[in-house]
């Protein structure tokens, strides 16, 4: 709610909110931070939580997953950990198939 004399207790406009966030970012010496930054953070967090790309795109209101991909910023470390985990599951599945352990599924988890 606005604290100004002119608009006391009125809802903040998007423009005013953007100016408030801009001032805070500059005071915190984070000049590249904006209200839009939080959108990138939210969609990246959804990707980190394992949401599928199409679900993230739907949540964001994007018609194309190409737009969504511009918002998601995963680090090399995160991608490496995901690859390592996936490869371990594939390896466990292959070992199960070669040793005749029919209890293994494609996810490497016993059925």
PDB file of N, CA and C in Angstrom:
ATOM      1  N   UNK A   1       0.825  -1.171   0.000  1.00  0.00           N
ATOM      2  CA  UNK A   1       0.000   0.000   0.000  1.00  0.00           C
ATOM      3  C   UNK A   1       0.881   1.251   0.000  1.00  0.00           C
ATOM      4  N   UNK A   2       0.420   2.213  -0.734  1.00  0.00           N
ATOM      5  CA  UNK A   2       1.177   3.452  -0.849  1.00  0.00           C
ATOM      6  C   UNK A   2       1.192   4.224   0.468  1.00  0.00           C
ATOM      7  N   UNK A   3       2.343   4.813   0.757  1.00  0.00           N
ATOM      8  CA  UNK A   3       2.474   5.663   1.941  1.00  0.00           C
ATOM      9  C   UNK A   3       2.572   7.144   1.562  1.00  0.00           C
ATOM     10  N   UNK A   4       2.466   7.417   0.275  1.00  0.00           N
ATOM     11  CA  UNK A   4       2.569   8.814  -0.157  1.00  0.00           C
ATOM     12  C   UNK A   4       1.308   9.585   0.228  1.00  0.00           C
ATOM     13  N   UNK A   5       1.452  10.892   0.396  1.00  0.00           N
ATOM     14  CA  UNK A   5       0.294  11.718   0.740  1.00  0.00           C
ATOM     15  C   UNK A   5      -0.728  11.733  -0.392  1.00  0.00           C
ATOM     16  N   UNK A   6      -0.229  11.685  -1.597  1.00  0.00           N
ATOM     17  CA  UNK A   6      -1.108  11.778  -2.762  1.00  0.00           C
ATOM     18  C   UNK A   6      -1.954  10.519  -2.950  1.00  0.00           C
ATOM     19  N   UNK A   7      -1.385   9.336  -2.665  1.00  0.00           N
ATOM     20  CA  UNK A   7      -2.094   8.072  -2.896  1.00  0.00           C
ATOM     21  C   UNK A   7      -2.156   7.215  -1.636  1.00  0.00           C
ATOM     22  N   UNK A   8      -2.344   7.826  -0.501  1.00  0.00           N
ATOM     23  CA  UNK A   8      -2.291   7.130   0.779  1.00  0.00           C
ATOM     24  C   UNK A   8      -3.207   5.905   0.792  1.00  0.00           C
ATOM     25  N   UNK A   9      -2.619   4.758   1.148  1.00  0.00           N
ATOM     26  CA  UNK A   9      -3.328   3.476   1.299  1.00  0.00           C
ATOM     27  C   UNK A   9      -3.869   2.904  -0.008  1.00  0.00           C
ATOM     28  N   UNK A  10      -3.474   3.468  -1.139  1.00  0.00           N
ATOM     29  CA  UNK A  10      -3.879   2.920  -2.436  1.00  0.00           C
ATOM     30  C   UNK A  10      -2.896   1.810  -2.827  1.00  0.00           C
ATOM     31  N   UNK A  11      -3.346   0.842  -3.609  1.00  0.00           N
ATOM     32  CA  UNK A  11      -2.409  -0.196  -4.068  1.00  0.00           C
ATOM     33  C   UNK A  11      -1.296   0.417  -4.925  1.00  0.00           C
ATOM     34  N   UNK A  12      -0.108  -0.163  -4.834  1.00  0.00           N
ATOM     35  CA  UNK A  12       1.001   0.309  -5.661  1.00  0.00           C
ATOM     36  C   UNK A  12       0.768  -0.109  -7.111  1.00  0.00           C
ATOM     37  N   UNK A  13       1.139   0.758  -8.021  1.00  0.00           N
ATOM     38  CA  UNK A  13       1.077   0.380  -9.434  1.00  0.00           C
ATOM     39  C   UNK A  13       2.324  -0.449  -9.753  1.00  0.00           C
ATOM     40  N   UNK A  14       2.289  -1.171 -10.852  1.00  0.00           N
ATOM     41  CA  UNK A  14       3.466  -1.944 -11.260  1.00  0.00           C
ATOM     42  C   UNK A  14       4.660  -1.018 -11.471  1.00  0.00           C
ATOM     43  N   UNK A  15       4.398   0.147 -12.026  1.00  0.00           N
ATOM     44  CA  UNK A  15       5.464   1.112 -12.291  1.00  0.00           C
ATOM     45  C   UNK A  15       6.117   1.553 -10.970  1.00  0.00           C
ATOM     46  N   UNK A  16       5.297   1.859  -9.975  1.00  0.00           N
ATOM     47  CA  UNK A  16       5.826   2.287  -8.683  1.00  0.00           C
ATOM     48  C   UNK A  16       6.616   1.167  -8.025  1.00  0.00           C
ATOM     49  N   UNK A  17       6.066  -0.051  -8.067  1.00  0.00           N
ATOM     50  CA  UNK A  17       6.763  -1.196  -7.475  1.00  0.00           C
ATOM     51  C   UNK A  17       8.116  -1.398  -8.146  1.00  0.00           C
ATOM     52  N   UNK A  18       8.171  -1.278  -9.464  1.00  0.00           N
ATOM     53  CA  UNK A  18       9.443  -1.420 -10.184  1.00  0.00           C
ATOM     54  C   UNK A  18      10.454  -0.376  -9.734  1.00  0.00           C
ATOM     55  N   UNK A  19       9.990   0.856  -9.506  1.00  0.00           N
ATOM     56  CA  UNK A  19      10.890   1.915  -9.040  1.00  0.00           C
ATOM     57  C   UNK A  19      11.397   1.617  -7.630  1.00  0.00           C
ATOM     58  N   UNK A  20      10.546   1.091  -6.773  1.00  0.00           N
ATOM     59  CA  UNK A  20      10.957   0.739  -5.402  1.00  0.00           C
ATOM     60  C   UNK A  20      12.034  -0.343  -5.449  1.00  0.00           C
ATOM     61  N   UNK A  21      11.784  -1.386  -6.221  1.00  0.00           N
ATOM     62  CA  UNK A  21      12.753  -2.488  -6.342  1.00  0.00           C
ATOM     63  C   UNK A  21      14.058  -1.975  -6.937  1.00  0.00           C
ATOM     64  N   UNK A  22      13.967  -1.081  -7.905  1.00  0.00           N
ATOM     65  CA  UNK A  22      15.177  -0.510  -8.535  1.00  0.00           C
ATOM     66  C   UNK A  22      16.017   0.246  -7.505  1.00  0.00           C
ATOM     67  N   UNK A  23      15.364   1.054  -6.673  1.00  0.00           N
ATOM     68  CA  UNK A  23      16.095   1.802  -5.646  1.00  0.00           C
ATOM     69  C   UNK A  23      16.771   0.873  -4.648  1.00  0.00           C
ATOM     70  N   UNK A  24      16.061  -0.175  -4.237  1.00  0.00           N
ATOM     71  CA  UNK A  24      16.628  -1.140  -3.290  1.00  0.00           C
ATOM     72  C   UNK A  24      17.822  -1.855  -3.915  1.00  0.00           C
ATOM     73  N   UNK A  25      17.692  -2.241  -5.182  1.00  0.00           N
ATOM     74  CA  UNK A  25      18.780  -2.936  -5.877  1.00  0.00           C
ATOM     75  C   UNK A  25      20.016  -2.056  -5.972  1.00  0.00           C
ATOM     76  N   UNK A  26      19.832  -0.801  -6.294  1.00  0.00           N
ATOM     77  CA  UNK A  26      20.971   0.113  -6.391  1.00  0.00           C
ATOM     78  C   UNK A  26      21.607   0.333  -5.021  1.00  0.00           C
ATOM     79  N   UNK A  27      20.781   0.461  -3.983  1.00  0.00           N
ATOM     80  CA  UNK A  27      21.314   0.645  -2.629  1.00  0.00           C
ATOM     81  C   UNK A  27      22.090  -0.590  -2.172  1.00  0.00           C
ATOM     82  N   UNK A  28      21.669  -1.764  -2.641  1.00  0.00           N
ATOM     83  CA  UNK A  28      22.337  -3.017  -2.268  1.00  0.00           C
ATOM     84  C   UNK A  28      23.500  -3.340  -3.209  1.00  0.00           C
ATOM     85  N   UNK A  29      23.768  -2.421  -4.134  1.00  0.00           N
ATOM     86  CA  UNK A  29      24.832  -2.590  -5.128  1.00  0.00           C
ATOM     87  C   UNK A  29      24.649  -3.847  -5.980  1.00  0.00           C
ATOM     88  N   UNK A  30      23.386  -4.075  -6.370  1.00  0.00           N
ATOM     89  CA  UNK A  30      23.031  -5.162  -7.279  1.00  0.00           C
ATOM     90  C   UNK A  30      22.242  -4.522  -8.426  1.00  0.00           C
ATOM     91  N   UNK A  31      22.929  -3.740  -9.271  1.00  0.00           N
ATOM     92  CA  UNK A  31      22.229  -2.938 -10.271  1.00  0.00           C
ATOM     93  C   UNK A  31      21.466  -3.736 -11.335  1.00  0.00           C
ATOM     94  N   UNK A  32      21.822  -4.989 -11.541  1.00  0.00           N
ATOM     95  CA  UNK A  32      21.138  -5.782 -12.570  1.00  0.00           C
ATOM     96  C   UNK A  32      19.861  -6.448 -12.060  1.00  0.00           C
ATOM     97  N   UNK A  33      19.576  -6.334 -10.755  1.00  0.00           N
ATOM     98  CA  UNK A  33      18.370  -6.932 -10.191  1.00  0.00           C
ATOM     99  C   UNK A  33      17.157  -6.079 -10.518  1.00  0.00           C
ATOM    100  N   UNK A  34      16.053  -6.730 -10.910  1.00  0.00           N
ATOM    101  CA  UNK A  34      14.809  -6.019 -11.209  1.00  0.00           C
ATOM    102  C   UNK A  34      13.632  -6.909 -10.819  1.00  0.00           C
ATOM    103  N   UNK A  35      12.436  -6.379 -10.978  1.00  0.00           N
ATOM    104  CA  UNK A  35      11.262  -7.193 -10.695  1.00  0.00           C
ATOM    105  C   UNK A  35      11.217  -8.406 -11.623  1.00  0.00           C
ATOM    106  N   UNK A  36      11.739  -8.259 -12.812  1.00  0.00           N
ATOM    107  CA  UNK A  36      11.741  -9.363 -13.783  1.00  0.00           C
ATOM    108  C   UNK A  36      12.723 -10.468 -13.363  1.00  0.00           C
ATOM    109  N   UNK A  37      13.729 -10.121 -12.596  1.00  0.00           N
ATOM    110  CA  UNK A  37      14.706 -11.101 -12.110  1.00  0.00           C
ATOM    111  C   UNK A  37      14.004 -12.202 -11.317  1.00  0.00           C
ATOM    112  N   UNK A  38      12.990 -11.826 -10.556  1.00  0.00           N
ATOM    113  CA  UNK A  38      12.290 -12.822  -9.741  1.00  0.00           C
ATOM    114  C   UNK A  38      11.566 -13.844 -10.608  1.00  0.00           C
ATOM    115  N   UNK A  39      11.134 -13.438 -11.786  1.00  0.00           N
ATOM    116  CA  UNK A  39      10.495 -14.384 -12.720  1.00  0.00           C
ATOM    117  C   UNK A  39      11.518 -15.428 -13.173  1.00  0.00           C
ATOM    118  N   UNK A  40      12.715 -14.977 -13.515  1.00  0.00           N
ATOM    119  CA  UNK A  40      13.782 -15.907 -13.906  1.00  0.00           C
ATOM    120  C   UNK A  40      14.098 -16.865 -12.761  1.00  0.00           C
ATOM    121  N   UNK A  41      14.199 -16.318 -11.550  1.00  0.00           N
ATOM    122  CA  UNK A  41      14.510 -17.154 -10.386  1.00  0.00           C
ATOM    123  C   UNK A  41      13.427 -18.202 -10.148  1.00  0.00           C
ATOM    124  N   UNK A  42      12.174 -17.808 -10.251  1.00  0.00           N
ATOM    125  CA  UNK A  42      11.062 -18.729 -10.017  1.00  0.00           C
ATOM    126  C   UNK A  42      11.085 -19.881 -11.030  1.00  0.00           C
ATOM    127  N   UNK A  43      11.234 -19.563 -12.304  1.00  0.00           N
ATOM    128  CA  UNK A  43      11.221 -20.615 -13.330  1.00  0.00           C
ATOM    129  C   UNK A  43      12.455 -21.511 -13.220  1.00  0.00           C
ATOM    130  N   UNK A  44      13.590 -20.944 -12.851  1.00  0.00           N
ATOM    131  CA  UNK A  44      14.796 -21.751 -12.628  1.00  0.00           C
ATOM    132  C   UNK A  44      14.582 -22.680 -11.438  1.00  0.00           C
ATOM    133  N   UNK A  45      13.971 -22.174 -10.376  1.00  0.00           N
ATOM    134  CA  UNK A  45      13.700 -23.017  -9.212  1.00  0.00           C
ATOM    135  C   UNK A  45      12.765 -24.170  -9.558  1.00  0.00           C
ATOM    136  N   UNK A  46      11.771 -23.931 -10.402  1.00  0.00           N
ATOM    137  CA  UNK A  46      10.869 -25.004 -10.819  1.00  0.00           C
ATOM    138  C   UNK A  46      11.637 -26.079 -11.592  1.00  0.00           C
ATOM    139  N   UNK A  47      12.568 -25.652 -12.442  1.00  0.00           N
ATOM    140  CA  UNK A  47      13.394 -26.611 -13.180  1.00  0.00           C
ATOM    141  C   UNK A  47      14.265 -27.412 -12.218  1.00  0.00           C
ATOM    142  N   UNK A  48      14.817 -26.752 -11.211  1.00  0.00           N
ATOM    143  CA  UNK A  48      15.638 -27.445 -10.204  1.00  0.00           C
ATOM    144  C   UNK A  48      14.821 -28.467  -9.420  1.00  0.00           C
ATOM    145  N   UNK A  49      13.535 -28.198  -9.248  1.00  0.00           N
ATOM    146  CA  UNK A  49      12.659 -29.104  -8.514  1.00  0.00           C
ATOM    147  C   UNK A  49      12.209 -30.289  -9.376  1.00  0.00           C
ATOM    148  N   UNK A  50      12.621 -30.299 -10.641  1.00  0.00           N
ATOM    149  CA  UNK A  50      12.307 -31.432 -11.503  1.00  0.00           C
ATOM    150  C   UNK A  50      11.061 -31.260 -12.351  1.00  0.00           C
ATOM    151  N   UNK A  51      10.493 -30.049 -12.393  1.00  0.00           N
ATOM    152  CA  UNK A  51       9.332 -29.832 -13.264  1.00  0.00           C
ATOM    153  C   UNK A  51       9.746 -30.048 -14.710  1.00  0.00           C
ATOM    154  N   UNK A  52       8.845 -30.593 -15.500  1.00  0.00           N
ATOM    155  CA  UNK A  52       9.104 -30.761 -16.926  1.00  0.00           C
ATOM    156  C   UNK A  52       8.972 -29.409 -17.617  1.00  0.00           C
ATOM    157  N   UNK A  53       9.698 -29.264 -18.719  1.00  0.00           N
ATOM    158  CA  UNK A  53       9.738 -27.995 -19.447  1.00  0.00           C
ATOM    159  C   UNK A  53       8.345 -27.520 -19.853  1.00  0.00           C
ATOM    160  N   UNK A  54       7.509 -28.433 -20.358  1.00  0.00           N
ATOM    161  CA  UNK A  54       6.163 -28.031 -20.794  1.00  0.00           C
ATOM    162  C   UNK A  54       5.314 -27.530 -19.623  1.00  0.00           C
ATOM    163  N   UNK A  55       5.485 -28.121 -18.449  1.00  0.00           N
ATOM    164  CA  UNK A  55       4.741 -27.667 -17.270  1.00  0.00           C
ATOM    165  C   UNK A  55       5.196 -26.268 -16.864  1.00  0.00           C
ATOM    166  N   UNK A  56       6.501 -26.028 -16.922  1.00  0.00           N
ATOM    167  CA  UNK A  56       7.025 -24.695 -16.589  1.00  0.00           C
ATOM    168  C   UNK A  56       6.503 -23.664 -17.584  1.00  0.00           C
ATOM    169  N   UNK A  57       6.508 -24.022 -18.868  1.00  0.00           N
ATOM    170  CA  UNK A  57       6.019 -23.107 -19.911  1.00  0.00           C
ATOM    171  C   UNK A  57       4.551 -22.770 -19.686  1.00  0.00           C
ATOM    172  N   UNK A  58       3.753 -23.762 -19.335  1.00  0.00           N
ATOM    173  CA  UNK A  58       2.331 -23.529 -19.070  1.00  0.00           C
ATOM    174  C   UNK A  58       2.161 -22.612 -17.870  1.00  0.00           C
ATOM    175  N   UNK A  59       2.898 -22.889 -16.796  1.00  0.00           N
ATOM    176  CA  UNK A  59       2.844 -22.055 -15.592  1.00  0.00           C
ATOM    177  C   UNK A  59       3.210 -20.611 -15.922  1.00  0.00           C
ATOM    178  N   UNK A  60       4.225 -20.423 -16.767  1.00  0.00           N
ATOM    179  CA  UNK A  60       4.712 -19.081 -17.104  1.00  0.00           C
ATOM    180  C   UNK A  60       3.825 -18.371 -18.124  1.00  0.00           C
ATOM    181  N   UNK A  61       2.920 -19.125 -18.754  1.00  0.00           N
ATOM    182  CA  UNK A  61       2.068 -18.523 -19.778  1.00  0.00           C
ATOM    183  C   UNK A  61       2.751 -18.389 -21.126  1.00  0.00           C
ATOM    184  N   UNK A  62       3.776 -19.196 -21.349  1.00  0.00           N
ATOM    185  CA  UNK A  62       4.492 -19.147 -22.623  1.00  0.00           C
ATOM    186  C   UNK A  62       3.826 -20.064 -23.645  1.00  0.00           C
ATOM    187  N   UNK A  63       3.743 -19.613 -24.873  1.00  0.00           N
ATOM    188  CA  UNK A  63       3.213 -20.447 -25.949  1.00  0.00           C
ATOM    189  C   UNK A  63       4.272 -21.414 -26.454  1.00  0.00           C
ATOM    190  N   UNK A  64       5.514 -21.031 -26.322  1.00  0.00           N
ATOM    191  CA  UNK A  64       6.616 -21.828 -26.854  1.00  0.00           C
ATOM    192  C   UNK A  64       7.603 -22.156 -25.740  1.00  0.00           C
ATOM    193  N   UNK A  65       8.103 -23.392 -25.751  1.00  0.00           N
ATOM    194  CA  UNK A  65       9.117 -23.761 -24.767  1.00  0.00           C
ATOM    195  C   UNK A  65      10.430 -23.024 -25.030  1.00  0.00           C
ATOM    196  N   UNK A  66      10.611 -22.517 -26.257  1.00  0.00           N
ATOM    197  CA  UNK A  66      11.813 -21.724 -26.553  1.00  0.00           C
ATOM    198  C   UNK A  66      11.863 -20.487 -25.659  1.00  0.00           C
ATOM    199  N   UNK A  67      10.708 -19.862 -25.439  1.00  0.00           N
ATOM    200  CA  UNK A  67      10.659 -18.694 -24.548  1.00  0.00           C
ATOM    201  C   UNK A  67      11.034 -19.103 -23.137  1.00  0.00           C
ATOM    202  N   UNK A  68      10.524 -20.234 -22.688  1.00  0.00           N
ATOM    203  CA  UNK A  68      10.783 -20.710 -21.333  1.00  0.00           C
ATOM    204  C   UNK A  68      12.267 -20.981 -21.129  1.00  0.00           C
ATOM    205  N   UNK A  69      12.913 -21.540 -22.138  1.00  0.00           N
ATOM    206  CA  UNK A  69      14.335 -21.864 -22.024  1.00  0.00           C
ATOM    207  C   UNK A  69      15.182 -20.627 -21.770  1.00  0.00           C
ATOM    208  N   UNK A  70      14.725 -19.463 -22.224  1.00  0.00           N
ATOM    209  CA  UNK A  70      15.469 -18.221 -21.984  1.00  0.00           C
ATOM    210  C   UNK A  70      15.429 -17.807 -20.513  1.00  0.00           C
ATOM    211  N   UNK A  71      14.454 -18.316 -19.785  1.00  0.00           N
ATOM    212  CA  UNK A  71      14.282 -17.952 -18.384  1.00  0.00           C
ATOM    213  C   UNK A  71      15.006 -18.883 -17.423  1.00  0.00           C
ATOM    214  N   UNK A  72      15.293 -20.099 -17.852  1.00  0.00           N
ATOM    215  CA  UNK A  72      15.863 -21.101 -16.960  1.00  0.00           C
ATOM    216  C   UNK A  72      17.382 -21.044 -17.031  1.00  0.00           C
ATOM    217  N   UNK A  73      18.011 -20.865 -15.878  1.00  0.00           N
ATOM    218  CA  UNK A  73      19.465 -20.720 -15.814  1.00  0.00           C
ATOM    219  C   UNK A  73      20.043 -21.730 -14.831  1.00  0.00           C
ATOM    220  N   UNK A  74      20.355 -22.929 -15.324  1.00  0.00           N
ATOM    221  CA  UNK A  74      20.958 -23.952 -14.481  1.00  0.00           C
ATOM    222  C   UNK A  74      22.472 -23.872 -14.625  1.00  0.00           C
ATOM    223  N   UNK A  75      23.162 -24.084 -13.523  1.00  0.00           N
ATOM    224  CA  UNK A  75      24.620 -24.022 -13.550  1.00  0.00           C
ATOM    225  C   UNK A  75      25.194 -25.310 -14.109  1.00  0.00           C
ATOM    226  N   UNK A  76      26.442 -25.266 -14.504  1.00  0.00           N
ATOM    227  CA  UNK A  76      27.140 -26.455 -14.972  1.00  0.00           C
ATOM    228  C   UNK A  76      27.203 -27.522 -13.899  1.00  0.00           C
ATOM    229  N   UNK A  77      27.351 -27.093 -12.651  1.00  0.00           N
ATOM    230  CA  UNK A  77      27.399 -28.035 -11.523  1.00  0.00           C
ATOM    231  C   UNK A  77      26.073 -28.782 -11.386  1.00  0.00           C
ATOM    232  N   UNK A  78      24.957 -28.043 -11.534  1.00  0.00           N
ATOM    233  CA  UNK A  78      23.637 -28.677 -11.440  1.00  0.00           C
ATOM    234  C   UNK A  78      23.419 -29.668 -12.575  1.00  0.00           C
ATOM    235  N   UNK A  79      23.806 -29.274 -13.779  1.00  0.00           N
ATOM    236  CA  UNK A  79      23.649 -30.167 -14.933  1.00  0.00           C
ATOM    237  C   UNK A  79      24.527 -31.397 -14.795  1.00  0.00           C
ATOM    238  N   UNK A  80      25.742 -31.215 -14.269  1.00  0.00           N
ATOM    239  CA  UNK A  80      26.658 -32.333 -14.061  1.00  0.00           C
ATOM    240  C   UNK A  80      26.089 -33.327 -13.046  1.00  0.00           C
ATOM    241  N   UNK A  81      25.530 -32.823 -11.968  1.00  0.00           N
ATOM    242  CA  UNK A  81      24.940 -33.700 -10.944  1.00  0.00           C
ATOM    243  C   UNK A  81      23.762 -34.481 -11.508  1.00  0.00           C
ATOM    244  N   UNK A  82      22.941 -33.824 -12.322  1.00  0.00           N
ATOM    245  CA  UNK A  82      21.791 -34.498 -12.934  1.00  0.00           C
ATOM    246  C   UNK A  82      22.266 -35.588 -13.893  1.00  0.00           C
ATOM    247  N   UNK A  83      23.282 -35.284 -14.687  1.00  0.00           N
ATOM    248  CA  UNK A  83      23.834 -36.273 -15.619  1.00  0.00           C
ATOM    249  C   UNK A  83      24.416 -37.457 -14.852  1.00  0.00           C
ATOM    250  N   UNK A  84      25.153 -37.193 -13.796  1.00  0.00           N
ATOM    251  CA  UNK A  84      25.757 -38.250 -13.000  1.00  0.00           C
ATOM    252  C   UNK A  84      24.692 -39.168 -12.410  1.00  0.00           C
ATOM    253  N   UNK A  85      23.632 -38.590 -11.876  1.00  0.00           N
ATOM    254  CA  UNK A  85      22.538 -39.372 -11.304  1.00  0.00           C
ATOM    255  C   UNK A  85      21.858 -40.224 -12.368  1.00  0.00           C
ATOM    256  N   UNK A  86      21.623 -39.624 -13.523  1.00  0.00           N
ATOM    257  CA  UNK A  86      20.972 -40.364 -14.613  1.00  0.00           C
ATOM    258  C   UNK A  86      21.841 -41.505 -15.102  1.00  0.00           C
ATOM    259  N   UNK A  87      23.132 -41.255 -15.222  1.00  0.00           N
ATOM    260  CA  UNK A  87      24.040 -42.306 -15.690  1.00  0.00           C
ATOM    261  C   UNK A  87      24.113 -43.448 -14.677  1.00  0.00           C
ATOM    262  N   UNK A  88      24.065 -43.152 -13.392  1.00  0.00           N
ATOM    263  CA  UNK A  88      24.079 -44.194 -12.357  1.00  0.00           C
ATOM    264  C   UNK A  88      22.834 -45.061 -12.477  1.00  0.00           C
ATOM    265  N   UNK A  89      21.691 -44.459 -12.746  1.00  0.00           N
ATOM    266  CA  UNK A  89      20.446 -45.216 -12.912  1.00  0.00           C
ATOM    267  C   UNK A  89      20.514 -46.096 -14.153  1.00  0.00           C
ATOM    268  N   UNK A  90      21.036 -45.549 -15.246  1.00  0.00           N
ATOM    269  CA  UNK A  90      21.163 -46.334 -16.480  1.00  0.00           C
ATOM    270  C   UNK A  90      22.123 -47.495 -16.257  1.00  0.00           C
ATOM    271  N   UNK A  91      23.233 -47.238 -15.580  1.00  0.00           N
ATOM    272  CA  UNK A  91      24.214 -48.293 -15.306  1.00  0.00           C
ATOM    273  C   UNK A  91      23.580 -49.410 -14.472  1.00  0.00           C
ATOM    274  N   UNK A  92      22.839 -49.047 -13.430  1.00  0.00           N
ATOM    275  CA  UNK A  92      22.186 -50.046 -12.582  1.00  0.00           C
ATOM    276  C   UNK A  92      21.191 -50.870 -13.395  1.00  0.00           C
ATOM    277  N   UNK A  93      20.459 -50.241 -14.279  1.00  0.00           N
ATOM    278  CA  UNK A  93      19.498 -50.947 -15.129  1.00  0.00           C
ATOM    279  C   UNK A  93      20.217 -51.927 -16.050  1.00  0.00           C
ATOM    280  N   UNK A  94      21.320 -51.464 -16.666  1.00  0.00           N
ATOM    281  CA  UNK A  94      22.074 -52.343 -17.576  1.00  0.00           C
ATOM    282  C   UNK A  94      22.647 -53.543 -16.836  1.00  0.00           C
ATOM    283  N   UNK A  95      23.223 -53.302 -15.656  1.00  0.00           N
ATOM    284  CA  UNK A  95      23.776 -54.404 -14.861  1.00  0.00           C
ATOM    285  C   UNK A  95      22.662 -55.399 -14.534  1.00  0.00           C
ATOM    286  N   UNK A  96      21.510 -54.890 -14.152  1.00  0.00           N
ATOM    287  CA  UNK A  96      20.369 -55.756 -13.860  1.00  0.00           C
ATOM    288  C   UNK A  96      19.958 -56.581 -15.063  1.00  0.00           C
ATOM    289  N   UNK A  97      19.962 -55.973 -16.234  1.00  0.00           N
ATOM    290  CA  UNK A  97      19.587 -56.685 -17.468  1.00  0.00           C
ATOM    291  C   UNK A  97      20.630 -57.760 -17.802  1.00  0.00           C
ATOM    292  N   UNK A  98      21.914 -57.449 -17.615  1.00  0.00           N
ATOM    293  CA  UNK A  98      22.982 -58.390 -17.952  1.00  0.00           C
ATOM    294  C   UNK A  98      23.080 -59.542 -16.951  1.00  0.00           C
ATOM    295  N   UNK A  99      22.717 -59.272 -15.719  1.00  0.00           N
ATOM    296  CA  UNK A  99      22.824 -60.320 -14.698  1.00  0.00           C
ATOM    297  C   UNK A  99      21.522 -61.085 -14.525  1.00  0.00           C
ATOM    298  N   UNK A 100      20.515 -60.704 -15.285  1.00  0.00           N
ATOM    299  CA  UNK A 100      19.243 -61.413 -15.220  1.00  0.00           C
ATOM    300  C   UNK A 100      18.377 -60.996 -14.049  1.00  0.00           C
ATOM    301  N   UNK A 101      18.678 -59.865 -13.431  1.00  0.00           N
ATOM    302  CA  UNK A 101      17.858 -59.371 -12.325  1.00  0.00           C
ATOM    303  C   UNK A 101      16.630 -58.691 -12.921  1.00  0.00           C
ATOM    304  N   UNK A 102      15.557 -59.456 -13.072  1.00  0.00           N
ATOM    305  CA  UNK A 102      14.341 -58.932 -13.710  1.00  0.00           C
ATOM    306  C   UNK A 102      13.635 -57.905 -12.846  1.00  0.00           C
ATOM    307  N   UNK A 103      14.099 -57.752 -11.600  1.00  0.00           N
ATOM    308  CA  UNK A 103      13.476 -56.790 -10.692  1.00  0.00           C
ATOM    309  C   UNK A 103      13.867 -55.350 -10.971  1.00  0.00           C
ATOM    310  N   UNK A 104      14.796 -55.122 -11.903  1.00  0.00           N
ATOM    311  CA  UNK A 104      15.225 -53.756 -12.210  1.00  0.00           C
ATOM    312  C   UNK A 104      14.355 -53.173 -13.301  1.00  0.00           C
ATOM    313  N   UNK A 105      13.992 -51.895 -13.132  1.00  0.00           N
ATOM    314  CA  UNK A 105      13.231 -51.179 -14.149  1.00  0.00           C
ATOM    315  C   UNK A 105      14.194 -50.210 -14.845  1.00  0.00           C
ATOM    316  N   UNK A 106      13.676 -49.513 -15.823  1.00  0.00           N
ATOM    317  CA  UNK A 106      14.503 -48.551 -16.575  1.00  0.00           C
ATOM    318  C   UNK A 106      15.051 -47.461 -15.674  1.00  0.00           C
ATOM    319  N   UNK A 107      14.390 -47.163 -14.553  1.00  0.00           N
ATOM    320  CA  UNK A 107      14.873 -46.134 -13.643  1.00  0.00           C
ATOM    321  C   UNK A 107      15.913 -46.640 -12.676  1.00  0.00           C
ATOM    322  N   UNK A 108      16.238 -47.940 -12.764  1.00  0.00           N
ATOM    323  CA  UNK A 108      17.230 -48.503 -11.869  1.00  0.00           C
ATOM    324  C   UNK A 108      16.668 -48.831 -10.493  1.00  0.00           C
ATOM    325  N   UNK A 109      15.360 -48.661 -10.354  1.00  0.00           N
ATOM    326  CA  UNK A 109      14.690 -48.903  -9.080  1.00  0.00           C
ATOM    327  C   UNK A 109      14.048 -50.285  -9.142  1.00  0.00           C
ATOM    328  N   UNK A 110      14.205 -51.098  -8.108  1.00  0.00           N
ATOM    329  CA  UNK A 110      13.572 -52.417  -8.122  1.00  0.00           C
ATOM    330  C   UNK A 110      12.069 -52.318  -8.322  1.00  0.00           C
ATOM    331  N   UNK A 111      11.510 -53.210  -9.113  1.00  0.00           N
ATOM    332  CA  UNK A 111      10.081 -53.189  -9.404  1.00  0.00           C
ATOM    333  C   UNK A 111       9.265 -53.754  -8.257  1.00  0.00           C
TER     334      UNK A 111
END
